């Protein structure tokens, strides 16, 4: 899959990137899910939807943590059949002391009843796509980082999936694997090629 951006093309693995146009990074339909970009433009009503979802699903966070995380939401995953929020991806800037640089940290949460779909894969893929289109120009941000806090995400099949998306293993923080997608390692080619 290739997408022209400011006289450049981003070449990315097509399995994780079924997107065909720049507009797909703003809103994308996958089966009965609408993936809606709300990065740095999330409304109070949308933030409350996220807080309600996390609370209903029993995530152990304080009110201030819930409020802060809701501001970090990059994509809402809406189930168009029920109108229910199926999950979210968050994106926030963090300093990685081990690497002595800033990265965009990506987290996902999907309600258990929606985890059997390929929604998580599409969600990570669209967040990567959006970041490459709109955030990779920030010279102070090295790329995307995914800290695998859930041990279920440290299985070989999941590692392989992240690797196909461009992530590579870097190190562990405690028992959590740290996966990196450095922006400068993404294949960029001239639009004249």
C-alpha atoms as a PDB file:
ATOM      1  CA  UNK A   1       0.000   0.000   0.000  1.00  0.00           C
ATOM      2  CA  UNK A   2       1.358   3.391  -0.920  1.00  0.00           C
ATOM      3  CA  UNK A   3       0.092   6.867  -0.064  1.00  0.00           C
ATOM      4  CA  UNK A   4       1.462  10.147  -1.446  1.00  0.00           C
ATOM      5  CA  UNK A   5       2.401  12.672   1.198  1.00  0.00           C
ATOM      6  CA  UNK A   6       4.038  15.996   0.389  1.00  0.00           C
ATOM      7  CA  UNK A   7       5.801  14.590  -2.707  1.00  0.00           C
ATOM      8  CA  UNK A   8       6.783  11.421  -0.847  1.00  0.00           C
ATOM      9  CA  UNK A   9       5.253   7.998  -0.614  1.00  0.00           C
ATOM     10  CA  UNK A  10       5.074   5.872   2.494  1.00  0.00           C
ATOM     11  CA  UNK A  11       5.497   2.188   1.781  1.00  0.00           C
ATOM     12  CA  UNK A  12       4.045   0.046   4.514  1.00  0.00           C
ATOM     13  CA  UNK A  13       3.068  -3.640   4.961  1.00  0.00           C
ATOM     14  CA  UNK A  14      -0.305  -4.082   3.263  1.00  0.00           C
ATOM     15  CA  UNK A  15      -1.571  -6.743   5.695  1.00  0.00           C
ATOM     16  CA  UNK A  16      -1.902  -4.225   8.529  1.00  0.00           C
ATOM     17  CA  UNK A  17      -2.647  -1.271   6.286  1.00  0.00           C
ATOM     18  CA  UNK A  18      -5.795  -1.759   4.214  1.00  0.00           C
ATOM     19  CA  UNK A  19      -6.172   2.024   4.002  1.00  0.00           C
ATOM     20  CA  UNK A  20      -6.213   3.604   0.546  1.00  0.00           C
ATOM     21  CA  UNK A  21      -6.467   7.345   1.071  1.00  0.00           C
ATOM     22  CA  UNK A  22      -5.371  10.033   3.476  1.00  0.00           C
ATOM     23  CA  UNK A  23      -9.048  10.445   4.491  1.00  0.00           C
ATOM     24  CA  UNK A  24      -9.007   6.861   5.842  1.00  0.00           C
ATOM     25  CA  UNK A  25      -6.806   8.124   8.699  1.00  0.00           C
ATOM     26  CA  UNK A  26      -9.682  10.378   9.817  1.00  0.00           C
ATOM     27  CA  UNK A  27     -12.536   7.885   9.569  1.00  0.00           C
ATOM     28  CA  UNK A  28     -12.422   4.276   8.482  1.00  0.00           C
ATOM     29  CA  UNK A  29     -15.115   1.612   8.205  1.00  0.00           C
ATOM     30  CA  UNK A  30     -14.039  -1.914   9.110  1.00  0.00           C
ATOM     31  CA  UNK A  31     -16.869  -4.453   9.047  1.00  0.00           C
ATOM     32  CA  UNK A  32     -19.435  -3.048  11.504  1.00  0.00           C
ATOM     33  CA  UNK A  33     -16.896  -0.768  13.214  1.00  0.00           C
ATOM     34  CA  UNK A  34     -16.327   2.909  12.539  1.00  0.00           C
ATOM     35  CA  UNK A  35     -12.810   4.014  13.536  1.00  0.00           C
ATOM     36  CA  UNK A  36     -12.988   7.745  14.211  1.00  0.00           C
ATOM     37  CA  UNK A  37      -9.915   9.911  14.669  1.00  0.00           C
ATOM     38  CA  UNK A  38     -10.253  12.279  17.636  1.00  0.00           C
ATOM     39  CA  UNK A  39      -6.558  12.966  18.229  1.00  0.00           C
ATOM     40  CA  UNK A  40      -6.217  16.318  20.015  1.00  0.00           C
ATOM     41  CA  UNK A  41      -9.836  17.181  19.143  1.00  0.00           C
ATOM     42  CA  UNK A  42     -11.825  14.831  21.379  1.00  0.00           C
ATOM     43  CA  UNK A  43     -15.034  16.347  22.756  1.00  0.00           C
ATOM     44  CA  UNK A  44     -16.150  16.204  26.386  1.00  0.00           C
ATOM     45  CA  UNK A  45     -18.988  13.834  25.393  1.00  0.00           C
ATOM     46  CA  UNK A  46     -16.518  11.487  23.647  1.00  0.00           C
ATOM     47  CA  UNK A  47     -14.164  11.607  26.644  1.00  0.00           C
ATOM     48  CA  UNK A  48     -17.072  10.639  28.900  1.00  0.00           C
ATOM     49  CA  UNK A  49     -17.868   7.664  26.620  1.00  0.00           C
ATOM     50  CA  UNK A  50     -14.285   6.457  27.120  1.00  0.00           C
ATOM     51  CA  UNK A  51     -14.375   6.963  30.883  1.00  0.00           C
ATOM     52  CA  UNK A  52     -17.705   5.110  31.090  1.00  0.00           C
ATOM     53  CA  UNK A  53     -16.312   2.202  29.030  1.00  0.00           C
ATOM     54  CA  UNK A  54     -13.174   1.854  31.181  1.00  0.00           C
ATOM     55  CA  UNK A  55     -15.247   2.084  34.372  1.00  0.00           C
ATOM     56  CA  UNK A  56     -17.803  -0.483  33.146  1.00  0.00           C
ATOM     57  CA  UNK A  57     -14.960  -2.849  32.224  1.00  0.00           C
ATOM     58  CA  UNK A  58     -13.377  -2.530  35.669  1.00  0.00           C
ATOM     59  CA  UNK A  59     -10.095  -0.819  34.802  1.00  0.00           C
ATOM     60  CA  UNK A  60      -8.383   0.153  38.038  1.00  0.00           C
ATOM     61  CA  UNK A  61      -7.686   3.841  37.519  1.00  0.00           C
ATOM     62  CA  UNK A  62      -8.314   6.887  39.663  1.00  0.00           C
ATOM     63  CA  UNK A  63     -10.635   9.646  38.435  1.00  0.00           C
ATOM     64  CA  UNK A  64      -7.643  11.809  37.528  1.00  0.00           C
ATOM     65  CA  UNK A  65      -6.013   8.915  35.585  1.00  0.00           C
ATOM     66  CA  UNK A  66      -9.276   8.296  33.719  1.00  0.00           C
ATOM     67  CA  UNK A  67      -9.572  11.987  32.870  1.00  0.00           C
ATOM     68  CA  UNK A  68      -5.948  12.178  31.682  1.00  0.00           C
ATOM     69  CA  UNK A  69      -6.153   9.005  29.596  1.00  0.00           C
ATOM     70  CA  UNK A  70      -9.379  10.181  27.952  1.00  0.00           C
ATOM     71  CA  UNK A  71      -7.495  13.243  26.653  1.00  0.00           C
ATOM     72  CA  UNK A  72      -4.962  10.873  25.007  1.00  0.00           C
ATOM     73  CA  UNK A  73      -7.513   9.020  22.854  1.00  0.00           C
ATOM     74  CA  UNK A  74      -6.502   8.943  19.203  1.00  0.00           C
ATOM     75  CA  UNK A  75      -9.247   6.653  17.802  1.00  0.00           C
ATOM     76  CA  UNK A  76     -12.717   5.682  18.924  1.00  0.00           C
ATOM     77  CA  UNK A  77     -13.867   2.249  17.711  1.00  0.00           C
ATOM     78  CA  UNK A  78     -17.656   2.491  17.439  1.00  0.00           C
ATOM     79  CA  UNK A  79     -19.821  -0.585  16.881  1.00  0.00           C
ATOM     80  CA  UNK A  80     -22.302   0.625  14.259  1.00  0.00           C
ATOM     81  CA  UNK A  81     -24.771  -2.188  15.054  1.00  0.00           C
ATOM     82  CA  UNK A  82     -25.233  -1.181  18.695  1.00  0.00           C
ATOM     83  CA  UNK A  83     -23.878   2.381  18.771  1.00  0.00           C
ATOM     84  CA  UNK A  84     -21.630   1.235  21.612  1.00  0.00           C
ATOM     85  CA  UNK A  85     -17.997   2.198  22.066  1.00  0.00           C
ATOM     86  CA  UNK A  86     -16.116  -1.043  21.354  1.00  0.00           C
ATOM     87  CA  UNK A  87     -12.661   0.274  22.188  1.00  0.00           C
ATOM     88  CA  UNK A  88     -10.056   2.983  21.773  1.00  0.00           C
ATOM     89  CA  UNK A  89      -6.438   3.615  20.898  1.00  0.00           C
ATOM     90  CA  UNK A  90      -4.544   6.248  22.834  1.00  0.00           C
ATOM     91  CA  UNK A  91      -1.472   8.127  21.726  1.00  0.00           C
ATOM     92  CA  UNK A  92       0.698  10.305  23.937  1.00  0.00           C
ATOM     93  CA  UNK A  93       4.236  11.661  23.921  1.00  0.00           C
ATOM     94  CA  UNK A  94       6.665  10.242  26.451  1.00  0.00           C
ATOM     95  CA  UNK A  95      10.361  10.429  27.232  1.00  0.00           C
ATOM     96  CA  UNK A  96      12.095   7.031  27.197  1.00  0.00           C
ATOM     97  CA  UNK A  97      15.052   7.274  29.640  1.00  0.00           C
ATOM     98  CA  UNK A  98      16.639   4.050  28.338  1.00  0.00           C
ATOM     99  CA  UNK A  99      16.745   5.542  24.824  1.00  0.00           C
ATOM    100  CA  UNK A 100      17.223   9.180  25.886  1.00  0.00           C
ATOM    101  CA  UNK A 101      14.572  10.343  23.413  1.00  0.00           C
ATOM    102  CA  UNK A 102      10.865  11.152  23.012  1.00  0.00           C
ATOM    103  CA  UNK A 103       8.434   8.650  21.508  1.00  0.00           C
ATOM    104  CA  UNK A 104       4.691   8.452  20.870  1.00  0.00           C
ATOM    105  CA  UNK A 105       3.286   5.760  23.139  1.00  0.00           C
ATOM    106  CA  UNK A 106       0.388   3.753  21.760  1.00  0.00           C
ATOM    107  CA  UNK A 107      -2.092   1.813  23.910  1.00  0.00           C
ATOM    108  CA  UNK A 108      -5.238  -0.051  22.962  1.00  0.00           C
ATOM    109  CA  UNK A 109      -8.249  -1.131  24.935  1.00  0.00           C
ATOM    110  CA  UNK A 110     -11.016  -3.199  23.378  1.00  0.00           C
ATOM    111  CA  UNK A 111     -14.018  -4.514  25.280  1.00  0.00           C
ATOM    112  CA  UNK A 112     -13.750  -8.303  25.751  1.00  0.00           C
ATOM    113  CA  UNK A 113     -16.769  -9.084  23.532  1.00  0.00           C
ATOM    114  CA  UNK A 114     -15.035  -7.390  20.572  1.00  0.00           C
ATOM    115  CA  UNK A 115     -11.580  -8.914  21.016  1.00  0.00           C
ATOM    116  CA  UNK A 116     -12.244 -11.863  18.714  1.00  0.00           C
ATOM    117  CA  UNK A 117     -12.526  -9.575  15.694  1.00  0.00           C
ATOM    118  CA  UNK A 118      -9.492  -8.231  13.863  1.00  0.00           C
ATOM    119  CA  UNK A 119     -10.335  -4.841  15.341  1.00  0.00           C
ATOM    120  CA  UNK A 120      -7.161  -4.626  17.458  1.00  0.00           C
ATOM    121  CA  UNK A 121      -4.967  -5.229  14.400  1.00  0.00           C
ATOM    122  CA  UNK A 122      -6.806  -2.618  12.325  1.00  0.00           C
ATOM    123  CA  UNK A 123      -6.716  -0.234  15.303  1.00  0.00           C
ATOM    124  CA  UNK A 124      -2.947  -0.476  15.686  1.00  0.00           C
ATOM    125  CA  UNK A 125      -2.509  -0.254  11.910  1.00  0.00           C
ATOM    126  CA  UNK A 126      -4.584   2.896  11.554  1.00  0.00           C
ATOM    127  CA  UNK A 127      -2.749   4.544  14.460  1.00  0.00           C
ATOM    128  CA  UNK A 128       0.571   3.789  12.758  1.00  0.00           C
ATOM    129  CA  UNK A 129      -0.809   5.104   9.454  1.00  0.00           C
ATOM    130  CA  UNK A 130      -2.079   8.317  11.074  1.00  0.00           C
ATOM    131  CA  UNK A 131       1.233   8.832  12.892  1.00  0.00           C
ATOM    132  CA  UNK A 132       3.225   8.397   9.685  1.00  0.00           C
ATOM    133  CA  UNK A 133       0.959  10.799   7.807  1.00  0.00           C
ATOM    134  CA  UNK A 134       0.686  13.522  10.420  1.00  0.00           C
ATOM    135  CA  UNK A 135       3.184  13.145  13.260  1.00  0.00           C
ATOM    136  CA  UNK A 136       6.412  11.741  11.799  1.00  0.00           C
ATOM    137  CA  UNK A 137       7.642  15.217  10.780  1.00  0.00           C
ATOM    138  CA  UNK A 138       8.257  16.165  14.442  1.00  0.00           C
ATOM    139  CA  UNK A 139      12.051  15.929  14.585  1.00  0.00           C
ATOM    140  CA  UNK A 140      11.986  15.618  18.375  1.00  0.00           C
ATOM    141  CA  UNK A 141       9.848  12.463  18.300  1.00  0.00           C
ATOM    142  CA  UNK A 142      11.701   9.308  17.236  1.00  0.00           C
ATOM    143  CA  UNK A 143       8.697   7.117  16.465  1.00  0.00           C
ATOM    144  CA  UNK A 144       6.034   4.937  18.052  1.00  0.00           C
ATOM    145  CA  UNK A 145       6.513   2.794  21.144  1.00  0.00           C
ATOM    146  CA  UNK A 146       4.231   0.020  22.372  1.00  0.00           C
ATOM    147  CA  UNK A 147       4.835  -1.218  25.905  1.00  0.00           C
ATOM    148  CA  UNK A 148       3.253  -4.654  26.166  1.00  0.00           C
ATOM    149  CA  UNK A 149       1.835  -4.473  29.701  1.00  0.00           C
ATOM    150  CA  UNK A 150      -0.574  -7.331  29.005  1.00  0.00           C
ATOM    151  CA  UNK A 151       1.353 -10.629  29.023  1.00  0.00           C
ATOM    152  CA  UNK A 152      -1.148 -11.972  26.470  1.00  0.00           C
ATOM    153  CA  UNK A 153       0.424  -9.546  23.981  1.00  0.00           C
ATOM    154  CA  UNK A 154       3.843 -11.153  24.458  1.00  0.00           C
ATOM    155  CA  UNK A 155       2.904 -14.341  22.584  1.00  0.00           C
ATOM    156  CA  UNK A 156       4.872 -15.238  19.403  1.00  0.00           C
ATOM    157  CA  UNK A 157       1.876 -14.632  17.104  1.00  0.00           C
ATOM    158  CA  UNK A 158       1.292 -11.133  18.496  1.00  0.00           C
ATOM    159  CA  UNK A 159       5.014 -10.341  18.303  1.00  0.00           C
ATOM    160  CA  UNK A 160       4.967 -11.421  14.656  1.00  0.00           C
ATOM    161  CA  UNK A 161       1.960  -9.210  13.955  1.00  0.00           C
ATOM    162  CA  UNK A 162       3.680  -6.154  15.452  1.00  0.00           C
ATOM    163  CA  UNK A 163       6.847  -6.997  13.494  1.00  0.00           C
ATOM    164  CA  UNK A 164       4.814  -7.013  10.261  1.00  0.00           C
ATOM    165  CA  UNK A 165       3.591  -3.546  11.220  1.00  0.00           C
ATOM    166  CA  UNK A 166       7.186  -2.311  11.456  1.00  0.00           C
ATOM    167  CA  UNK A 167       7.746  -2.654  15.211  1.00  0.00           C
ATOM    168  CA  UNK A 168      10.894  -4.287  16.587  1.00  0.00           C
ATOM    169  CA  UNK A 169      11.735  -5.473  20.084  1.00  0.00           C
ATOM    170  CA  UNK A 170      13.959  -3.041  22.009  1.00  0.00           C
ATOM    171  CA  UNK A 171      14.159  -4.013  25.684  1.00  0.00           C
ATOM    172  CA  UNK A 172      12.080  -4.865  28.748  1.00  0.00           C
ATOM    173  CA  UNK A 173      10.792  -2.506  31.407  1.00  0.00           C
ATOM    174  CA  UNK A 174      10.263  -4.790  34.383  1.00  0.00           C
ATOM    175  CA  UNK A 175       8.499  -7.744  32.708  1.00  0.00           C
ATOM    176  CA  UNK A 176       6.934  -5.631  29.928  1.00  0.00           C
ATOM    177  CA  UNK A 177       8.301  -5.857  26.405  1.00  0.00           C
ATOM    178  CA  UNK A 178       9.046  -2.556  24.684  1.00  0.00           C
ATOM    179  CA  UNK A 179       8.441  -2.515  20.921  1.00  0.00           C
ATOM    180  CA  UNK A 180       9.606   0.379  18.754  1.00  0.00           C
ATOM    181  CA  UNK A 181       8.696   1.686  15.325  1.00  0.00           C
ATOM    182  CA  UNK A 182      11.335   4.358  14.568  1.00  0.00           C
ATOM    183  CA  UNK A 183      10.044   6.851  12.007  1.00  0.00           C
ATOM    184  CA  UNK A 184      13.454   7.017  10.329  1.00  0.00           C
ATOM    185  CA  UNK A 185      13.281   3.278   9.570  1.00  0.00           C
ATOM    186  CA  UNK A 186      10.029   3.544   7.622  1.00  0.00           C
ATOM    187  CA  UNK A 187      10.700   3.139   3.928  1.00  0.00           C
ATOM    188  CA  UNK A 188      10.130   6.439   2.172  1.00  0.00           C
ATOM    189  CA  UNK A 189      10.448   6.659  -1.604  1.00  0.00           C
ATOM    190  CA  UNK A 190      10.241   9.538  -4.050  1.00  0.00           C
ATOM    191  CA  UNK A 191       6.861  10.007  -5.720  1.00  0.00           C
ATOM    192  CA  UNK A 192       8.765  10.037  -9.021  1.00  0.00           C
ATOM    193  CA  UNK A 193       9.962   6.438  -8.505  1.00  0.00           C
END
